[in-house]
N, C-alpha and C. Protein backbone atom coordinates (compact mmCIF):
# COMPACT_ATOMS: atom_id res chain seq x y z
N MET A 1 91.17 50.46 23.72
CA MET A 1 90.14 51.35 25.05
C MET A 1 90.46 51.24 26.54
N THR A 2 90.39 52.79 26.84
CA THR A 2 90.84 52.77 28.21
C THR A 2 89.60 52.71 29.05
N PHE A 3 90.26 52.63 30.77
CA PHE A 3 89.23 52.44 31.04
C PHE A 3 88.38 53.47 30.94
N ASP A 4 88.68 54.61 31.03
CA ASP A 4 87.78 55.79 30.94
C ASP A 4 87.03 55.78 30.06
N ASP A 5 87.20 55.45 28.61
CA ASP A 5 86.63 55.32 27.40
C ASP A 5 85.52 54.29 27.57
N LEU A 6 85.52 52.78 27.95
CA LEU A 6 84.77 52.36 28.89
C LEU A 6 83.16 52.52 29.65
N LEU A 7 84.05 53.56 30.51
CA LEU A 7 82.93 53.85 31.43
C LEU A 7 82.06 54.88 30.58
N GLU A 8 82.63 55.94 29.54
CA GLU A 8 81.56 56.13 29.02
C GLU A 8 80.46 55.85 28.49
N ALA A 9 81.19 54.68 27.48
CA ALA A 9 80.64 53.86 26.47
C ALA A 9 79.63 53.48 27.33
N ILE A 10 79.48 52.95 28.67
CA ILE A 10 78.41 52.42 29.50
C ILE A 10 77.64 53.40 29.93
N GLY A 11 78.24 54.26 30.27
CA GLY A 11 77.50 55.66 30.98
C GLY A 11 76.62 56.34 29.51
N GLN A 12 76.58 56.36 28.49
CA GLN A 12 75.75 56.18 27.36
C GLN A 12 75.00 55.02 27.18
N GLY A 13 75.36 53.92 27.44
CA GLY A 13 74.20 53.32 27.11
C GLY A 13 72.57 53.03 27.90
N LEU A 14 74.06 53.75 29.64
CA LEU A 14 72.48 53.21 30.36
C LEU A 14 71.28 54.74 30.49
N ARG A 15 71.97 55.44 29.29
CA ARG A 15 70.86 56.90 29.19
C ARG A 15 70.06 56.09 28.01
N ASP A 16 69.66 55.39 27.65
CA ASP A 16 68.96 54.91 26.35
C ASP A 16 68.41 53.37 27.30
N PHE A 17 68.14 53.10 28.43
CA PHE A 17 67.52 52.22 29.14
C PHE A 17 65.92 52.49 29.49
N LYS A 18 65.05 51.97 28.48
CA LYS A 18 63.47 52.00 29.71
C LYS A 18 62.98 52.59 30.49
N ALA A 19 63.78 51.08 31.34
CA ALA A 19 63.43 50.98 32.40
C ALA A 19 64.46 50.49 33.49
N ALA A 20 64.69 51.42 34.52
CA ALA A 20 65.89 50.30 35.60
C ALA A 20 65.57 48.15 34.88
N PRO A 21 66.82 47.89 35.10
CA PRO A 21 67.14 46.40 35.13
C PRO A 21 66.83 45.50 35.42
N PHE A 22 66.23 44.30 35.75
CA PHE A 22 65.93 43.35 36.51
C PHE A 22 67.06 42.47 37.58
N TYR A 23 66.98 42.30 37.98
CA TYR A 23 67.99 41.11 39.36
C TYR A 23 68.10 40.09 38.75
N GLY A 24 68.44 39.26 38.58
CA GLY A 24 68.58 37.27 38.22
C GLY A 24 69.10 36.92 39.36
N LEU A 25 68.77 35.19 40.02
CA LEU A 25 69.47 35.00 40.73
C LEU A 25 69.87 33.47 40.81
N PHE A 26 70.51 32.62 41.07
CA PHE A 26 70.21 30.76 41.28
C PHE A 26 69.82 31.34 42.42
N PHE A 27 69.30 29.82 42.58
CA PHE A 27 69.18 29.83 44.03
C PHE A 27 68.33 28.05 43.94
N ALA A 28 68.73 27.02 44.82
CA ALA A 28 68.18 25.95 44.84
C ALA A 28 66.80 25.52 44.88
N GLY A 29 66.53 26.64 46.34
CA GLY A 29 65.10 26.84 46.74
C GLY A 29 64.33 27.85 46.54
N ILE A 30 64.00 28.31 45.45
CA ILE A 30 63.19 28.64 44.59
C ILE A 30 61.91 29.45 45.07
N TYR A 31 60.67 28.56 45.71
CA TYR A 31 60.05 29.07 46.23
C TYR A 31 60.29 30.09 46.91
N THR A 32 61.25 29.61 48.20
CA THR A 32 61.49 30.65 49.66
C THR A 32 61.89 31.69 49.53
N LEU A 33 62.95 31.92 47.48
CA LEU A 33 63.14 32.58 48.29
C LEU A 33 62.67 33.99 47.35
N GLY A 34 62.16 33.43 46.29
CA GLY A 34 60.55 34.33 45.81
C GLY A 34 59.50 34.59 46.44
N GLY A 35 59.13 34.42 47.75
CA GLY A 35 58.81 34.79 48.90
C GLY A 35 59.01 35.33 49.60
N TRP A 36 60.29 35.11 49.66
CA TRP A 36 61.16 36.92 50.55
C TRP A 36 61.17 37.98 49.42
N TYR A 37 61.51 37.73 48.67
CA TYR A 37 61.28 39.14 47.93
C TYR A 37 60.17 39.34 47.11
N ALA A 38 58.90 38.83 47.33
CA ALA A 38 57.72 39.33 47.49
C ALA A 38 56.97 40.08 48.79
N LYS A 39 57.72 39.39 49.69
CA LYS A 39 57.45 40.07 51.15
C LYS A 39 58.03 41.66 51.08
N VAL A 40 59.72 41.75 50.71
CA VAL A 40 60.53 42.43 51.38
C VAL A 40 60.27 43.94 50.38
N LEU A 41 59.76 43.30 48.77
CA LEU A 41 59.37 44.58 48.39
C LEU A 41 58.21 44.85 47.49
N GLU A 42 57.05 44.25 48.18
CA GLU A 42 55.37 43.93 48.47
C GLU A 42 55.58 43.89 46.85
N GLY A 43 55.45 42.82 45.91
CA GLY A 43 55.44 42.12 45.42
C GLY A 43 54.51 41.10 45.33
N GLU A 44 54.85 40.41 43.49
CA GLU A 44 54.18 39.24 43.65
C GLU A 44 54.78 38.23 42.51
N PHE A 45 54.20 36.90 43.17
CA PHE A 45 54.70 36.07 41.97
C PHE A 45 53.91 36.65 40.44
N MET A 46 54.94 36.68 39.20
CA MET A 46 54.45 36.97 38.18
C MET A 46 54.36 35.70 37.85
N MET A 47 54.69 34.54 37.40
CA MET A 47 55.18 33.74 37.06
C MET A 47 55.98 32.29 38.07
N LYS A 48 55.41 30.95 38.75
CA LYS A 48 56.26 29.99 39.48
C LYS A 48 56.33 28.93 39.02
N SER A 49 57.20 28.55 39.07
CA SER A 49 57.72 27.29 38.45
C SER A 49 58.62 26.24 39.14
N PRO A 50 58.71 25.35 39.10
CA PRO A 50 60.04 24.32 39.75
C PRO A 50 61.17 24.68 38.78
N LEU A 51 61.50 25.67 38.19
CA LEU A 51 62.97 25.87 37.47
C LEU A 51 62.66 27.20 37.11
N ILE A 52 62.16 28.35 37.39
CA ILE A 52 62.35 29.84 37.29
C ILE A 52 60.91 29.95 37.59
N SER A 53 60.95 31.13 38.53
CA SER A 53 59.74 32.04 39.18
C SER A 53 60.42 33.46 38.80
N PHE A 54 59.14 34.30 38.88
CA PHE A 54 59.20 36.73 38.08
C PHE A 54 58.40 36.88 39.96
N VAL A 55 59.26 37.86 39.95
CA VAL A 55 58.70 37.98 41.26
C VAL A 55 58.50 40.23 40.47
N THR A 56 56.98 40.83 40.57
CA THR A 56 57.34 41.75 40.20
C THR A 56 56.35 42.99 41.25
N TYR A 57 56.59 44.05 41.40
CA TYR A 57 56.07 45.08 42.29
C TYR A 57 55.93 46.12 41.60
N ASP A 58 55.88 46.19 40.36
CA ASP A 58 55.55 47.50 39.67
C ASP A 58 54.90 46.54 38.02
N THR A 59 54.84 47.31 36.56
CA THR A 59 54.26 47.04 35.83
C THR A 59 55.66 46.41 34.79
N GLU A 60 56.54 46.02 35.41
CA GLU A 60 57.67 45.37 34.64
C GLU A 60 57.25 44.08 34.43
N HIS A 61 57.23 43.37 33.68
CA HIS A 61 56.51 41.21 34.24
C HIS A 61 57.30 40.79 34.53
N HIS A 62 58.90 41.25 34.72
CA HIS A 62 59.85 41.05 35.93
C HIS A 62 60.54 41.50 36.83
N ARG A 63 60.92 41.69 37.97
CA ARG A 63 62.54 42.39 38.30
C ARG A 63 63.05 41.74 38.67
N ILE A 64 63.15 40.56 39.54
CA ILE A 64 63.39 39.74 39.90
C ILE A 64 63.49 37.93 39.41
N ALA A 65 63.92 37.46 39.08
CA ALA A 65 64.03 36.25 38.23
C ALA A 65 64.72 34.79 39.52
N ILE A 66 64.42 34.08 39.53
CA ILE A 66 65.14 33.27 40.24
C ILE A 66 64.98 31.87 39.72
N LEU A 67 66.31 31.25 39.12
CA LEU A 67 66.76 30.36 38.28
C LEU A 67 67.13 28.69 39.41
N ALA A 68 66.08 27.52 39.59
CA ALA A 68 67.26 26.99 40.63
C ALA A 68 67.90 25.61 39.59
N LEU A 69 68.15 26.59 38.97
CA LEU A 69 69.28 24.96 37.60
C LEU A 69 70.03 23.98 38.81
N PRO A 70 70.14 22.56 38.16
CA PRO A 70 71.15 21.42 38.68
C PRO A 70 71.91 21.74 39.45
N GLY A 71 72.98 21.39 40.51
CA GLY A 71 74.49 21.44 40.35
C GLY A 71 75.24 23.00 41.20
N VAL A 72 73.97 24.43 41.31
CA VAL A 72 74.45 25.60 41.99
C VAL A 72 75.08 25.37 43.12
N GLN A 73 75.76 25.73 43.67
CA GLN A 73 76.37 25.23 44.95
C GLN A 73 75.70 26.50 46.06
N PRO A 74 75.68 26.60 47.11
CA PRO A 74 75.34 27.51 48.09
C PRO A 74 76.34 28.75 48.12
N HIS A 75 75.99 29.73 47.61
CA HIS A 75 77.35 31.14 48.95
C HIS A 75 78.34 30.64 49.38
N VAL A 76 78.98 31.61 49.04
CA VAL A 76 80.28 31.18 49.78
C VAL A 76 81.18 32.90 50.20
N ASP A 77 80.91 32.69 51.55
CA ASP A 77 81.22 34.54 51.94
C ASP A 77 82.71 34.47 50.92
N MET A 78 83.09 36.46 51.13
CA MET A 78 84.23 36.38 50.88
C MET A 78 84.68 36.29 49.25
N THR A 79 83.69 36.21 48.18
CA THR A 79 83.73 35.11 46.61
C THR A 79 83.78 36.66 46.32
N CYS A 80 84.46 37.08 44.75
CA CYS A 80 83.82 38.12 43.98
C CYS A 80 82.83 37.45 43.27
N GLY A 81 82.35 38.71 42.72
CA GLY A 81 80.66 39.08 42.78
C GLY A 81 79.96 40.14 43.48
N LEU A 82 79.04 40.04 42.80
CA LEU A 82 77.76 41.30 42.72
C LEU A 82 78.01 41.32 44.47
N HIS A 83 77.94 42.30 44.92
CA HIS A 83 78.01 42.98 46.50
C HIS A 83 76.54 42.98 46.60
N HIS A 84 75.72 43.70 46.22
CA HIS A 84 74.44 44.21 46.37
C HIS A 84 73.54 45.23 45.26
N VAL A 85 72.82 44.93 45.61
CA VAL A 85 71.61 45.57 44.92
C VAL A 85 70.64 46.61 45.91
N ALA A 86 71.00 48.06 45.13
CA ALA A 86 69.70 48.93 45.60
C ALA A 86 68.13 48.88 44.96
N PHE A 87 67.20 49.35 45.98
CA PHE A 87 65.95 49.32 45.65
C PHE A 87 65.81 51.07 46.79
N THR A 88 65.74 52.25 45.70
CA THR A 88 65.39 53.40 45.92
C THR A 88 63.77 54.05 46.18
N TYR A 89 63.67 54.51 47.68
CA TYR A 89 62.30 54.73 47.73
C TYR A 89 61.93 56.26 47.69
N ASP A 90 60.94 56.39 47.80
CA ASP A 90 60.15 58.28 47.80
C ASP A 90 60.98 58.93 48.81
N GLY A 91 60.39 58.46 49.75
CA GLY A 91 60.64 59.24 50.67
C GLY A 91 61.35 58.34 51.99
N LEU A 92 61.56 58.84 53.24
CA LEU A 92 62.14 58.58 54.21
C LEU A 92 60.90 58.01 55.12
N GLY A 93 59.79 58.60 54.95
CA GLY A 93 58.85 57.89 56.01
C GLY A 93 58.56 56.40 54.95
N ASP A 94 58.65 55.81 53.90
CA ASP A 94 58.33 54.55 53.15
C ASP A 94 59.36 53.52 53.67
N LEU A 95 60.68 54.46 53.22
CA LEU A 95 62.19 53.60 54.05
C LEU A 95 61.08 52.96 55.21
N MET A 96 60.99 53.69 56.20
CA MET A 96 60.86 53.36 57.29
C MET A 96 59.89 52.68 57.64
N HIS A 97 58.95 53.12 56.59
CA HIS A 97 57.52 51.73 56.72
C HIS A 97 57.77 50.92 56.50
N THR A 98 58.73 50.44 55.67
CA THR A 98 58.90 49.17 54.73
C THR A 98 60.10 48.06 55.83
N TYR A 99 60.89 49.12 56.62
CA TYR A 99 62.21 48.41 57.61
C TYR A 99 60.51 47.83 58.65
N ASN A 100 59.68 48.86 59.64
CA ASN A 100 59.06 48.65 60.01
C ASN A 100 57.47 47.28 60.28
N ARG A 101 57.69 47.02 58.72
CA ARG A 101 56.63 46.64 57.90
C ARG A 101 57.31 44.61 58.18
N LEU A 102 59.12 44.60 57.21
CA LEU A 102 59.30 43.59 57.40
C LEU A 102 59.51 43.24 59.42
N LYS A 103 59.90 43.94 59.43
CA LYS A 103 60.43 43.75 61.09
C LYS A 103 58.44 42.95 61.92
N ASP A 104 57.80 43.78 61.85
CA ASP A 104 56.27 43.44 62.24
C ASP A 104 55.84 42.28 62.13
N GLU A 105 55.93 42.56 60.71
CA GLU A 105 54.53 41.28 59.96
C GLU A 105 55.51 40.10 59.82
N HIS A 106 56.65 39.90 59.09
CA HIS A 106 57.48 39.14 58.88
C HIS A 106 59.15 38.27 59.28
N GLY A 107 59.77 39.75 60.47
CA GLY A 107 60.29 39.11 61.45
C GLY A 107 61.21 38.81 60.15
N ILE A 108 61.18 39.93 59.25
CA ILE A 108 62.83 40.24 58.76
C ILE A 108 63.98 41.39 59.19
N THR A 109 64.75 41.22 59.82
CA THR A 109 65.67 42.14 60.21
C THR A 109 66.80 42.71 59.13
N PRO A 110 67.12 44.22 60.12
CA PRO A 110 68.42 44.54 58.36
C PRO A 110 69.59 43.80 59.47
N GLU A 111 70.71 43.83 58.65
CA GLU A 111 71.75 44.02 58.87
C GLU A 111 73.03 44.56 59.49
N PHE A 112 72.27 45.94 58.65
CA PHE A 112 73.27 47.00 59.13
C PHE A 112 72.83 48.08 58.35
N CYS A 113 72.26 49.30 59.03
CA CYS A 113 71.49 50.85 58.82
C CYS A 113 72.73 52.06 58.73
N ILE A 114 72.83 52.49 57.55
CA ILE A 114 73.56 53.74 57.88
C ILE A 114 73.19 54.53 57.15
N ASN A 115 73.69 55.75 57.64
CA ASN A 115 73.49 57.51 56.54
C ASN A 115 75.17 57.13 55.87
N HIS A 116 74.82 57.24 54.71
CA HIS A 116 76.20 57.30 53.55
C HIS A 116 76.54 58.53 53.38
N GLY A 117 75.49 59.60 53.37
CA GLY A 117 76.13 60.90 52.94
C GLY A 117 74.73 61.06 51.86
N PRO A 118 75.06 60.68 50.55
CA PRO A 118 74.46 60.97 49.76
C PRO A 118 72.89 60.38 50.23
N THR A 119 73.04 58.89 50.82
CA THR A 119 71.39 58.04 51.06
C THR A 119 71.65 57.31 52.44
N THR A 120 70.61 57.55 53.01
CA THR A 120 70.04 56.29 54.26
C THR A 120 69.62 55.13 53.58
N SER A 121 70.75 54.11 54.04
CA SER A 121 70.11 53.10 53.69
C SER A 121 70.10 51.90 54.67
N ILE A 122 69.39 51.16 54.11
CA ILE A 122 69.22 49.69 55.33
C ILE A 122 70.16 48.09 54.87
N TYR A 123 70.57 47.92 55.22
CA TYR A 123 71.28 46.57 54.21
C TYR A 123 70.36 45.36 55.17
N TYR A 124 70.25 44.41 53.74
CA TYR A 124 69.14 42.97 54.08
C TYR A 124 70.16 42.31 53.61
N PHE A 125 69.94 40.89 54.05
CA PHE A 125 70.63 39.59 53.38
C PHE A 125 69.30 38.52 53.41
N ASP A 126 69.31 38.40 51.86
CA ASP A 126 67.68 37.28 51.20
C ASP A 126 68.36 36.17 52.11
N PRO A 127 67.76 34.72 51.71
CA PRO A 127 67.95 33.85 52.18
C PRO A 127 68.72 33.30 51.94
N ASP A 128 69.13 33.14 50.85
CA ASP A 128 70.13 32.85 49.55
C ASP A 128 71.81 33.47 50.68
N LYS A 129 71.76 34.54 51.02
CA LYS A 129 72.66 35.73 51.60
C LYS A 129 73.15 36.49 49.65
N ASN A 130 72.09 36.43 49.61
CA ASN A 130 72.38 38.37 48.49
C ASN A 130 72.08 39.36 49.21
N GLN A 131 72.68 40.38 49.05
CA GLN A 131 72.71 41.22 49.74
C GLN A 131 71.86 42.63 49.62
N ILE A 132 70.67 43.34 49.91
CA ILE A 132 70.22 43.98 48.63
C ILE A 132 70.20 45.20 50.27
N GLU A 133 69.99 46.22 48.92
CA GLU A 133 70.56 48.21 50.10
C GLU A 133 68.94 47.92 49.53
N LEU A 134 68.01 48.94 51.08
CA LEU A 134 66.74 49.73 51.09
C LEU A 134 67.49 51.28 51.13
N GLN A 135 66.47 51.87 50.30
CA GLN A 135 67.47 53.22 50.63
C GLN A 135 66.42 54.45 50.35
N VAL A 136 66.57 55.52 50.23
CA VAL A 136 66.17 56.88 49.59
C VAL A 136 67.37 57.89 50.01
N ASP A 137 67.31 58.35 48.80
CA ASP A 137 68.60 59.86 48.83
C ASP A 137 68.08 60.90 49.67
N ASN A 138 69.07 61.22 50.42
CA ASN A 138 69.09 61.99 50.93
C ASN A 138 69.42 63.80 50.20
N VAL A 139 70.08 63.70 48.86
CA VAL A 139 69.90 65.02 48.20
C VAL A 139 69.60 64.77 46.77
N PRO A 140 68.76 66.09 46.37
CA PRO A 140 67.74 65.90 45.34
C PRO A 140 68.97 65.69 43.65
N GLU A 141 68.30 64.45 43.78
CA GLU A 141 68.99 64.66 41.93
C GLU A 141 69.74 65.70 41.24
N GLU A 142 68.89 66.97 41.64
CA GLU A 142 70.15 67.73 40.58
C GLU A 142 71.39 68.36 41.39
N LYS A 143 71.53 67.94 43.25
CA LYS A 143 72.16 68.45 43.45
C LYS A 143 73.10 67.77 43.86
N PHE A 144 73.03 66.22 43.35
CA PHE A 144 74.24 65.06 43.40
C PHE A 144 75.69 65.50 43.02
N ALA A 145 75.77 66.58 42.18
CA ALA A 145 77.43 66.52 41.75
C ALA A 145 78.04 67.34 42.92
N GLU A 146 76.59 68.64 42.96
CA GLU A 146 77.27 69.93 43.87
C GLU A 146 77.48 68.92 45.30
N TYR A 147 76.82 68.04 45.93
CA TYR A 147 76.87 67.98 47.01
C TYR A 147 78.50 66.40 46.87
N PHE A 148 78.93 65.60 46.17
CA PHE A 148 79.99 65.06 46.00
C PHE A 148 81.38 66.18 45.50
N GLU A 149 81.17 67.16 45.63
CA GLU A 149 82.34 68.42 45.28
C GLU A 149 82.66 69.06 46.65
N ASN A 150 81.21 69.44 47.70
CA ASN A 150 81.51 69.86 48.77
C ASN A 150 82.67 69.31 49.69
N GLY A 151 82.87 68.02 49.65
CA GLY A 151 84.18 67.32 50.35
C GLY A 151 83.19 66.12 51.38
N GLU A 152 82.40 66.76 52.10
CA GLU A 152 81.44 65.81 52.94
C GLU A 152 82.09 64.31 52.45
N PHE A 153 81.27 63.72 51.54
CA PHE A 153 81.98 62.05 51.29
C PHE A 153 82.96 62.27 51.07
N THR A 154 83.58 62.27 50.56
CA THR A 154 85.42 62.27 50.30
C THR A 154 86.02 62.26 52.33
N GLU A 155 85.77 62.92 52.50
CA GLU A 155 86.41 62.91 54.27
C GLU A 155 85.62 61.13 55.13
N ASN A 156 84.47 61.30 54.50
CA ASN A 156 84.11 59.79 55.11
C ASN A 156 83.07 59.66 54.49
N PRO A 157 83.84 58.91 53.02
CA PRO A 157 82.87 57.76 52.17
C PRO A 157 82.08 56.70 52.52
N ILE A 158 81.95 56.51 53.81
CA ILE A 158 81.47 55.28 54.51
C ILE A 158 80.14 55.65 55.23
N GLY A 159 80.09 56.55 55.85
CA GLY A 159 79.00 57.65 56.66
C GLY A 159 78.55 56.99 58.29
N ILE A 160 77.63 57.10 58.66
CA ILE A 160 77.25 57.46 59.91
C ILE A 160 76.36 56.20 60.07
N LYS A 161 76.36 55.20 61.06
CA LYS A 161 75.36 53.69 61.56
C LYS A 161 73.84 54.69 62.18
N PHE A 162 73.11 54.13 62.02
CA PHE A 162 71.61 54.65 62.39
C PHE A 162 70.82 53.30 63.76
N ASP A 163 70.00 54.05 64.22
CA ASP A 163 69.12 52.91 64.61
C ASP A 163 68.00 53.03 63.98
N PRO A 164 67.44 52.03 63.31
CA PRO A 164 65.91 52.40 62.99
C PRO A 164 65.07 52.39 64.05
N ASP A 165 64.77 51.70 65.20
CA ASP A 165 63.82 51.87 65.56
C ASP A 165 64.00 53.89 66.52
N GLU A 166 65.30 53.79 66.75
CA GLU A 166 65.35 55.51 66.73
C GLU A 166 64.63 56.47 65.47
N MET A 167 65.00 55.93 64.15
CA MET A 167 64.72 56.58 63.30
C MET A 167 63.09 56.74 63.29
N THR A 168 62.24 55.59 63.62
CA THR A 168 61.07 55.70 62.98
C THR A 168 60.61 56.72 64.19
N ALA A 169 61.16 56.86 65.92
CA ALA A 169 60.73 57.33 66.38
C ALA A 169 60.24 58.70 66.31
N ARG A 170 61.26 59.83 65.86
CA ARG A 170 61.50 60.55 65.66
C ARG A 170 61.05 61.25 64.82
N LEU A 171 60.35 60.50 63.34
CA LEU A 171 59.83 60.74 62.41
C LEU A 171 58.50 60.72 62.78
N ALA A 172 58.26 59.70 64.00
CA ALA A 172 57.13 60.08 64.29
C ALA A 172 56.87 60.98 65.31
N ALA A 173 57.50 61.40 65.78
CA ALA A 173 57.35 62.18 66.52
C ALA A 173 57.19 63.92 65.70
N GLY A 174 57.42 64.13 64.95
CA GLY A 174 56.92 65.09 64.18
C GLY A 174 58.49 66.00 63.14
N GLU A 175 59.55 65.33 63.72
CA GLU A 175 61.13 65.70 62.79
C GLU A 175 60.80 65.57 61.53
N SER A 176 61.57 66.94 60.62
CA SER A 176 61.76 66.72 59.63
C SER A 176 61.89 65.68 58.78
N GLU A 177 61.98 65.42 57.43
CA GLU A 177 63.14 64.45 56.76
C GLU A 177 64.03 64.84 56.73
N GLU A 178 64.00 66.42 56.05
CA GLU A 178 64.73 66.60 55.73
C GLU A 178 65.76 66.78 56.51
N SER A 179 65.76 66.95 58.18
CA SER A 179 66.88 67.10 58.94
C SER A 179 67.64 65.91 59.69
N LEU A 180 66.20 64.32 59.04
CA LEU A 180 66.55 63.46 59.95
C LEU A 180 67.65 62.77 58.93
N LEU A 181 67.61 63.26 57.70
CA LEU A 181 68.12 62.26 56.29
C LEU A 181 70.03 63.24 56.62
N LYS A 182 69.63 64.40 57.00
CA LYS A 182 71.53 65.20 57.18
C LYS A 182 72.25 64.30 57.45
N ARG A 183 73.17 63.98 57.38
CA ARG A 183 74.38 63.13 57.80
C ARG A 183 74.78 63.73 59.25
N PRO A 184 74.53 62.60 60.31
CA PRO A 184 75.05 63.31 61.80
C PRO A 184 76.55 63.34 61.68
N ASP A 185 77.77 64.18 61.93
CA ASP A 185 78.59 64.06 62.39
C ASP A 185 78.80 63.10 63.23
N GLY A 186 80.07 62.29 63.19
CA GLY A 186 80.51 61.09 64.17
C GLY A 186 81.45 60.12 63.36
N THR A 187 82.41 59.18 64.14
CA THR A 187 82.58 58.17 63.45
C THR A 187 82.32 57.85 62.83
N PRO A 188 82.93 56.89 61.34
CA PRO A 188 82.35 56.15 60.97
C PRO A 188 82.47 54.50 61.40
N PRO A 189 82.25 53.86 60.92
CA PRO A 189 82.09 52.47 61.69
C PRO A 189 83.85 51.90 61.06
N ASP A 190 83.84 50.65 61.74
CA ASP A 190 84.98 50.11 61.31
C ASP A 190 85.00 48.95 59.74
N LEU A 191 85.60 48.98 58.88
CA LEU A 191 85.54 48.33 57.75
C LEU A 191 84.31 46.67 58.46
N SER A 192 84.97 46.04 59.43
CA SER A 192 85.15 44.79 60.16
C SER A 192 83.41 44.79 60.16
N GLU A 193 82.78 46.29 60.69
CA GLU A 193 81.51 45.80 61.24
C GLU A 193 80.49 45.57 60.19
N PHE A 194 80.77 46.05 58.57
CA PHE A 194 80.00 45.47 57.11
C PHE A 194 79.88 44.30 57.46
N PRO A 195 78.75 44.17 57.07
CA PRO A 195 78.21 42.44 57.22
C PRO A 195 78.95 42.26 55.68
N VAL A 196 79.12 40.83 55.91
CA VAL A 196 79.96 40.03 54.75
C VAL A 196 79.07 38.92 53.77
N ASN A 197 79.23 38.70 52.99
CA ASN A 197 78.47 38.51 51.50
C ASN A 197 79.80 37.94 50.50
């Protein structure tokens, strides 16, 4: 089986999923991490114990599973593994509301904010330095193929950084989501500016 065959097989399987998969984490401080995800995702503990806790934000019984197994070691930067998990919002207003809610009510601030082109994304570290991306699609789903063929992403696959407070102000002033989601011209950040996890 070639790598392309494997990707095709995985893609076929993904189309059969009933819903998005959940995210499982090992952590020594189970309630701290679970509480962080409940705040960020506006979720709740479905179940809480010293060994395992479940957090959900919809009808699924758990979207985040946290296991506190004995002997789990602290996170080490720049090791192989999962880089980040993304959660997609319906619109820019929802994303910016979440940014402001987290900052103002919980003191949770992002590590990095960037308009990638296909998405506008805000990256956070959880208390164990797992990275999550809160994002909104800049392009309607039915136009993704057209977007990736137009060359913009090929020319700059990283994106252009943005200031979330400025984005909030522009949105509040009445600027349309469509205009704010269009990636501005500019120089992409150096890869050394990306948060390391």
